[in-house]
Amino acid sequence: MSEDLTLDGLAVPLRALRLLAVDFSHLPAPDVHVSPVFPDRLELSFHRGLPDFEVWREALGISPGAVVYREQGDGRTRVLKASADFAGSVLELTGYSNACAPEPIGGAA
């Protein structure tokens, strides 16, 4: 991280976000995170279950084999994570779900 980083230093992930907003405006809205700590990264997270994560993963052409599964909170929360290069930015998708509730996987909503 550069202490002299300006908003222009975040142009790469912000440009990627703009392209996503145009090309994928019909998809569920994610939480969006851009940080000067990782100025080439755009993070999209989904906290309402895994179907929204899956819809985005499929739309972006990320292979199911590239998805990492883990649990947190003593197994109470399922987490899916995947990343891809998009418009010069590292795009990270993260989906969260209550492990107690059954979730349709594969883009079913």
N, C-alpha and C. Protein backbone atom coordinates (compact mmCIF):
# COMPACT_ATOMS: atom_id res chain seq x y z
N MET A 1 0.85 -1.18 0.00
CA MET A 1 0.00 0.00 0.00
C MET A 1 0.89 1.24 0.00
N SER A 2 0.55 2.18 -0.84
CA SER A 2 1.28 3.43 -0.89
C SER A 2 0.54 4.48 -0.07
N GLU A 3 1.27 5.18 0.77
CA GLU A 3 0.65 6.24 1.56
C GLU A 3 0.23 7.42 0.68
N ASP A 4 0.78 7.50 -0.53
CA ASP A 4 0.45 8.59 -1.44
C ASP A 4 -0.62 8.21 -2.46
N LEU A 5 -1.27 7.07 -2.28
CA LEU A 5 -2.27 6.60 -3.22
C LEU A 5 -3.46 7.56 -3.25
N THR A 6 -3.86 7.93 -4.43
CA THR A 6 -5.04 8.78 -4.62
C THR A 6 -6.18 7.92 -5.16
N LEU A 7 -7.34 8.51 -5.30
CA LEU A 7 -8.47 7.78 -5.85
C LEU A 7 -8.14 7.25 -7.25
N ASP A 8 -7.33 8.00 -7.99
CA ASP A 8 -6.91 7.55 -9.31
C ASP A 8 -6.14 6.23 -9.23
N GLY A 9 -5.49 5.98 -8.10
CA GLY A 9 -4.77 4.74 -7.91
C GLY A 9 -5.69 3.52 -7.80
N LEU A 10 -6.98 3.78 -7.62
CA LEU A 10 -7.96 2.71 -7.57
C LEU A 10 -8.74 2.59 -8.88
N ALA A 11 -8.22 3.20 -9.94
CA ALA A 11 -8.93 3.23 -11.22
C ALA A 11 -9.20 1.84 -11.79
N VAL A 12 -8.27 0.91 -11.60
CA VAL A 12 -8.44 -0.43 -12.20
C VAL A 12 -9.67 -1.14 -11.62
N PRO A 13 -9.79 -1.31 -10.30
CA PRO A 13 -11.00 -1.98 -9.81
C PRO A 13 -12.27 -1.16 -10.01
N LEU A 14 -12.16 0.16 -9.98
CA LEU A 14 -13.35 0.99 -10.22
C LEU A 14 -13.82 0.87 -11.66
N ARG A 15 -12.88 0.76 -12.59
CA ARG A 15 -13.23 0.53 -14.00
C ARG A 15 -13.91 -0.83 -14.15
N ALA A 16 -13.37 -1.83 -13.48
CA ALA A 16 -13.98 -3.16 -13.52
C ALA A 16 -15.40 -3.12 -12.97
N LEU A 17 -15.61 -2.39 -11.88
CA LEU A 17 -16.94 -2.25 -11.30
C LEU A 17 -17.89 -1.58 -12.28
N ARG A 18 -17.42 -0.55 -12.96
CA ARG A 18 -18.26 0.13 -13.95
C ARG A 18 -18.67 -0.83 -15.06
N LEU A 19 -17.73 -1.65 -15.54
CA LEU A 19 -18.05 -2.63 -16.59
C LEU A 19 -19.04 -3.67 -16.08
N LEU A 20 -18.86 -4.13 -14.86
CA LEU A 20 -19.81 -5.09 -14.29
C LEU A 20 -21.21 -4.49 -14.20
N ALA A 21 -21.28 -3.22 -13.80
CA ALA A 21 -22.57 -2.56 -13.67
C ALA A 21 -23.29 -2.45 -15.01
N VAL A 22 -22.54 -2.32 -16.08
CA VAL A 22 -23.14 -2.23 -17.41
C VAL A 22 -23.49 -3.61 -17.95
N ASP A 23 -22.54 -4.53 -17.87
CA ASP A 23 -22.71 -5.85 -18.49
C ASP A 23 -23.54 -6.82 -17.67
N PHE A 24 -23.60 -6.64 -16.37
CA PHE A 24 -24.29 -7.60 -15.50
C PHE A 24 -25.31 -6.93 -14.59
N SER A 25 -25.91 -5.86 -15.07
CA SER A 25 -26.85 -5.09 -14.25
C SER A 25 -28.08 -5.90 -13.84
N HIS A 26 -28.36 -6.97 -14.54
CA HIS A 26 -29.53 -7.80 -14.25
C HIS A 26 -29.28 -8.81 -13.13
N LEU A 27 -28.03 -8.94 -12.67
CA LEU A 27 -27.69 -9.89 -11.63
C LEU A 27 -27.92 -9.30 -10.24
N PRO A 28 -28.04 -10.17 -9.23
CA PRO A 28 -28.26 -9.67 -7.85
C PRO A 28 -27.14 -8.73 -7.42
N ALA A 29 -27.52 -7.69 -6.69
CA ALA A 29 -26.55 -6.70 -6.21
C ALA A 29 -25.69 -7.29 -5.10
N PRO A 30 -24.36 -7.18 -5.24
CA PRO A 30 -23.45 -7.65 -4.20
C PRO A 30 -23.05 -6.52 -3.27
N ASP A 31 -22.43 -6.87 -2.16
CA ASP A 31 -21.67 -5.89 -1.39
C ASP A 31 -20.38 -5.68 -2.18
N VAL A 32 -19.92 -4.44 -2.30
CA VAL A 32 -18.74 -4.11 -3.10
C VAL A 32 -17.68 -3.53 -2.18
N HIS A 33 -16.43 -3.99 -2.39
CA HIS A 33 -15.33 -3.48 -1.57
C HIS A 33 -14.12 -3.20 -2.46
N VAL A 34 -13.61 -1.99 -2.35
CA VAL A 34 -12.37 -1.56 -3.00
C VAL A 34 -11.53 -0.93 -1.91
N SER A 35 -10.23 -1.26 -1.90
CA SER A 35 -9.38 -0.79 -0.81
C SER A 35 -8.01 -0.37 -1.32
N PRO A 36 -7.45 0.71 -0.77
CA PRO A 36 -6.08 1.08 -1.13
C PRO A 36 -5.05 0.06 -0.64
N VAL A 37 -5.44 -0.84 0.25
CA VAL A 37 -4.51 -1.87 0.70
C VAL A 37 -4.19 -2.82 -0.45
N PHE A 38 -5.21 -3.15 -1.26
CA PHE A 38 -5.05 -3.99 -2.45
C PHE A 38 -5.62 -3.22 -3.64
N PRO A 39 -4.88 -2.29 -4.22
CA PRO A 39 -5.43 -1.35 -5.21
C PRO A 39 -5.81 -1.97 -6.55
N ASP A 40 -5.50 -3.24 -6.78
CA ASP A 40 -5.91 -3.87 -8.04
C ASP A 40 -7.03 -4.89 -7.82
N ARG A 41 -7.62 -4.90 -6.65
CA ARG A 41 -8.63 -5.91 -6.32
C ARG A 41 -10.02 -5.29 -6.18
N LEU A 42 -11.00 -6.01 -6.72
CA LEU A 42 -12.41 -5.68 -6.54
C LEU A 42 -13.07 -6.88 -5.88
N GLU A 43 -13.70 -6.66 -4.74
CA GLU A 43 -14.33 -7.75 -4.01
C GLU A 43 -15.84 -7.60 -4.05
N LEU A 44 -16.50 -8.68 -4.43
CA LEU A 44 -17.96 -8.75 -4.42
C LEU A 44 -18.35 -9.84 -3.44
N SER A 45 -19.21 -9.52 -2.48
CA SER A 45 -19.63 -10.53 -1.52
C SER A 45 -21.15 -10.60 -1.47
N PHE A 46 -21.61 -11.80 -1.13
CA PHE A 46 -23.03 -12.11 -1.14
C PHE A 46 -23.39 -12.73 0.21
N HIS A 47 -24.24 -12.05 0.96
CA HIS A 47 -24.55 -12.45 2.33
C HIS A 47 -25.95 -13.03 2.47
N ARG A 48 -26.69 -13.15 1.39
CA ARG A 48 -28.06 -13.65 1.48
C ARG A 48 -28.17 -15.09 1.00
N GLY A 49 -27.08 -15.80 0.96
CA GLY A 49 -27.13 -17.19 0.52
C GLY A 49 -26.24 -17.41 -0.68
N LEU A 50 -26.06 -18.68 -1.02
CA LEU A 50 -25.13 -19.04 -2.08
C LEU A 50 -25.68 -18.94 -3.50
N PRO A 51 -26.99 -18.94 -3.72
CA PRO A 51 -27.47 -18.81 -5.10
C PRO A 51 -26.99 -17.55 -5.82
N ASP A 52 -26.92 -16.41 -5.13
CA ASP A 52 -26.43 -15.18 -5.78
C ASP A 52 -24.97 -15.33 -6.18
N PHE A 53 -24.17 -15.94 -5.30
CA PHE A 53 -22.77 -16.23 -5.63
C PHE A 53 -22.69 -17.08 -6.89
N GLU A 54 -23.50 -18.13 -6.95
CA GLU A 54 -23.47 -19.05 -8.09
C GLU A 54 -23.87 -18.37 -9.40
N VAL A 55 -24.86 -17.51 -9.34
CA VAL A 55 -25.29 -16.79 -10.55
C VAL A 55 -24.14 -15.94 -11.09
N TRP A 56 -23.45 -15.23 -10.21
CA TRP A 56 -22.32 -14.41 -10.63
C TRP A 56 -21.17 -15.27 -11.13
N ARG A 57 -20.88 -16.38 -10.44
CA ARG A 57 -19.80 -17.25 -10.87
C ARG A 57 -20.05 -17.76 -12.28
N GLU A 58 -21.26 -18.20 -12.54
CA GLU A 58 -21.60 -18.70 -13.87
C GLU A 58 -21.51 -17.59 -14.91
N ALA A 59 -22.05 -16.42 -14.59
CA ALA A 59 -22.04 -15.30 -15.54
C ALA A 59 -20.63 -14.88 -15.91
N LEU A 60 -19.71 -14.98 -14.96
CA LEU A 60 -18.32 -14.59 -15.20
C LEU A 60 -17.48 -15.72 -15.79
N GLY A 61 -18.08 -16.89 -15.94
CA GLY A 61 -17.36 -18.02 -16.53
C GLY A 61 -16.31 -18.61 -15.63
N ILE A 62 -16.48 -18.50 -14.32
CA ILE A 62 -15.54 -19.09 -13.37
C ILE A 62 -15.91 -20.55 -13.19
N SER A 63 -14.96 -21.42 -13.38
CA SER A 63 -15.18 -22.87 -13.27
C SER A 63 -15.60 -23.26 -11.85
N PRO A 64 -16.54 -24.20 -11.74
CA PRO A 64 -16.89 -24.69 -10.40
C PRO A 64 -15.67 -25.26 -9.67
N GLY A 65 -14.72 -25.80 -10.41
CA GLY A 65 -13.51 -26.33 -9.79
C GLY A 65 -12.61 -25.26 -9.19
N ALA A 66 -12.84 -24.01 -9.54
CA ALA A 66 -12.03 -22.91 -9.00
C ALA A 66 -12.61 -22.37 -7.70
N VAL A 67 -13.74 -22.90 -7.28
CA VAL A 67 -14.40 -22.43 -6.06
C VAL A 67 -13.83 -23.17 -4.85
N VAL A 68 -13.49 -22.41 -3.83
CA VAL A 68 -12.98 -22.96 -2.58
C VAL A 68 -14.11 -22.91 -1.55
N TYR A 69 -14.35 -24.04 -0.90
CA TYR A 69 -15.37 -24.13 0.13
C TYR A 69 -14.69 -24.18 1.50
N ARG A 70 -15.28 -23.46 2.43
CA ARG A 70 -14.81 -23.57 3.81
C ARG A 70 -15.97 -23.22 4.73
N GLU A 71 -15.75 -23.42 6.00
CA GLU A 71 -16.74 -23.07 7.01
C GLU A 71 -16.10 -22.17 8.04
N GLN A 72 -16.90 -21.34 8.66
CA GLN A 72 -16.42 -20.48 9.73
C GLN A 72 -17.47 -20.43 10.82
N GLY A 73 -17.12 -19.82 11.92
CA GLY A 73 -18.06 -19.72 13.04
C GLY A 73 -18.43 -21.09 13.59
N ASP A 74 -17.41 -21.93 13.81
CA ASP A 74 -17.63 -23.28 14.34
C ASP A 74 -18.60 -24.08 13.46
N GLY A 75 -18.49 -23.90 12.16
CA GLY A 75 -19.31 -24.65 11.22
C GLY A 75 -20.70 -24.10 10.98
N ARG A 76 -21.00 -22.94 11.52
CA ARG A 76 -22.33 -22.36 11.37
C ARG A 76 -22.51 -21.60 10.06
N THR A 77 -21.39 -21.21 9.43
CA THR A 77 -21.47 -20.43 8.20
C THR A 77 -20.67 -21.10 7.10
N ARG A 78 -21.32 -21.32 5.96
CA ARG A 78 -20.64 -21.83 4.78
C ARG A 78 -20.08 -20.65 4.01
N VAL A 79 -18.90 -20.82 3.42
CA VAL A 79 -18.27 -19.75 2.64
C VAL A 79 -17.76 -20.34 1.33
N LEU A 80 -18.15 -19.73 0.22
CA LEU A 80 -17.61 -20.06 -1.09
C LEU A 80 -16.78 -18.89 -1.55
N LYS A 81 -15.61 -19.18 -2.12
CA LYS A 81 -14.70 -18.12 -2.57
C LYS A 81 -14.14 -18.51 -3.93
N ALA A 82 -14.07 -17.53 -4.82
CA ALA A 82 -13.47 -17.74 -6.15
C ALA A 82 -12.92 -16.41 -6.62
N SER A 83 -11.93 -16.47 -7.49
CA SER A 83 -11.38 -15.24 -8.05
C SER A 83 -11.09 -15.44 -9.52
N ALA A 84 -11.04 -14.32 -10.23
CA ALA A 84 -10.77 -14.33 -11.66
C ALA A 84 -10.21 -12.97 -12.04
N ASP A 85 -9.52 -12.93 -13.16
CA ASP A 85 -9.09 -11.64 -13.70
C ASP A 85 -10.25 -11.06 -14.49
N PHE A 86 -10.52 -9.79 -14.27
CA PHE A 86 -11.60 -9.12 -15.00
C PHE A 86 -11.19 -7.68 -15.23
N ALA A 87 -11.09 -7.30 -16.48
CA ALA A 87 -10.78 -5.92 -16.87
C ALA A 87 -9.53 -5.40 -16.17
N GLY A 88 -8.52 -6.25 -16.03
CA GLY A 88 -7.27 -5.84 -15.42
C GLY A 88 -7.26 -5.87 -13.91
N SER A 89 -8.38 -6.24 -13.32
CA SER A 89 -8.52 -6.29 -11.86
C SER A 89 -8.62 -7.73 -11.41
N VAL A 90 -8.19 -7.99 -10.19
CA VAL A 90 -8.45 -9.28 -9.57
C VAL A 90 -9.84 -9.17 -8.96
N LEU A 91 -10.75 -9.97 -9.47
CA LEU A 91 -12.13 -9.95 -9.00
C LEU A 91 -12.32 -11.13 -8.05
N GLU A 92 -12.69 -10.84 -6.82
CA GLU A 92 -12.91 -11.88 -5.83
C GLU A 92 -14.39 -11.95 -5.48
N LEU A 93 -14.96 -13.14 -5.60
CA LEU A 93 -16.34 -13.39 -5.21
C LEU A 93 -16.33 -14.19 -3.91
N THR A 94 -17.17 -13.79 -2.97
CA THR A 94 -17.32 -14.53 -1.73
C THR A 94 -18.79 -14.64 -1.40
N GLY A 95 -19.25 -15.86 -1.17
CA GLY A 95 -20.64 -16.10 -0.80
C GLY A 95 -20.71 -16.68 0.60
N TYR A 96 -21.67 -16.21 1.38
CA TYR A 96 -21.87 -16.68 2.75
C TYR A 96 -23.27 -17.25 2.90
N SER A 97 -23.38 -18.32 3.67
CA SER A 97 -24.69 -18.92 3.91
C SER A 97 -24.72 -19.55 5.29
N ASN A 98 -25.89 -19.54 5.89
CA ASN A 98 -26.11 -20.23 7.14
C ASN A 98 -26.01 -21.73 6.87
N ALA A 99 -25.13 -22.43 7.56
CA ALA A 99 -24.93 -23.86 7.32
C ALA A 99 -26.13 -24.69 7.76
N CYS A 100 -27.00 -24.14 8.58
CA CYS A 100 -28.17 -24.89 9.06
C CYS A 100 -29.29 -24.91 8.02
N ALA A 101 -29.30 -23.94 7.11
CA ALA A 101 -30.36 -23.86 6.12
C ALA A 101 -29.91 -24.52 4.82
N PRO A 102 -30.77 -25.37 4.22
CA PRO A 102 -30.39 -25.96 2.94
C PRO A 102 -30.33 -24.89 1.86
N GLU A 103 -29.34 -24.98 0.99
CA GLU A 103 -29.14 -24.01 -0.09
C GLU A 103 -29.16 -24.71 -1.42
N PRO A 104 -29.95 -24.21 -2.37
CA PRO A 104 -29.83 -24.74 -3.72
C PRO A 104 -28.52 -24.28 -4.33
N ILE A 105 -27.78 -25.19 -4.92
CA ILE A 105 -26.49 -24.88 -5.53
C ILE A 105 -26.64 -24.99 -7.04
N GLY A 106 -25.83 -24.23 -7.76
CA GLY A 106 -25.85 -24.30 -9.22
C GLY A 106 -26.68 -23.21 -9.85
N GLY A 107 -26.90 -22.13 -9.12
CA GLY A 107 -27.60 -20.98 -9.70
C GLY A 107 -29.10 -21.01 -9.48
N ALA A 108 -29.64 -22.07 -8.87
CA ALA A 108 -31.08 -22.11 -8.61
C ALA A 108 -31.42 -21.11 -7.52
N ALA A 109 -32.51 -20.42 -7.71
CA ALA A 109 -32.92 -19.44 -6.70
C ALA A 109 -34.24 -19.80 -6.10
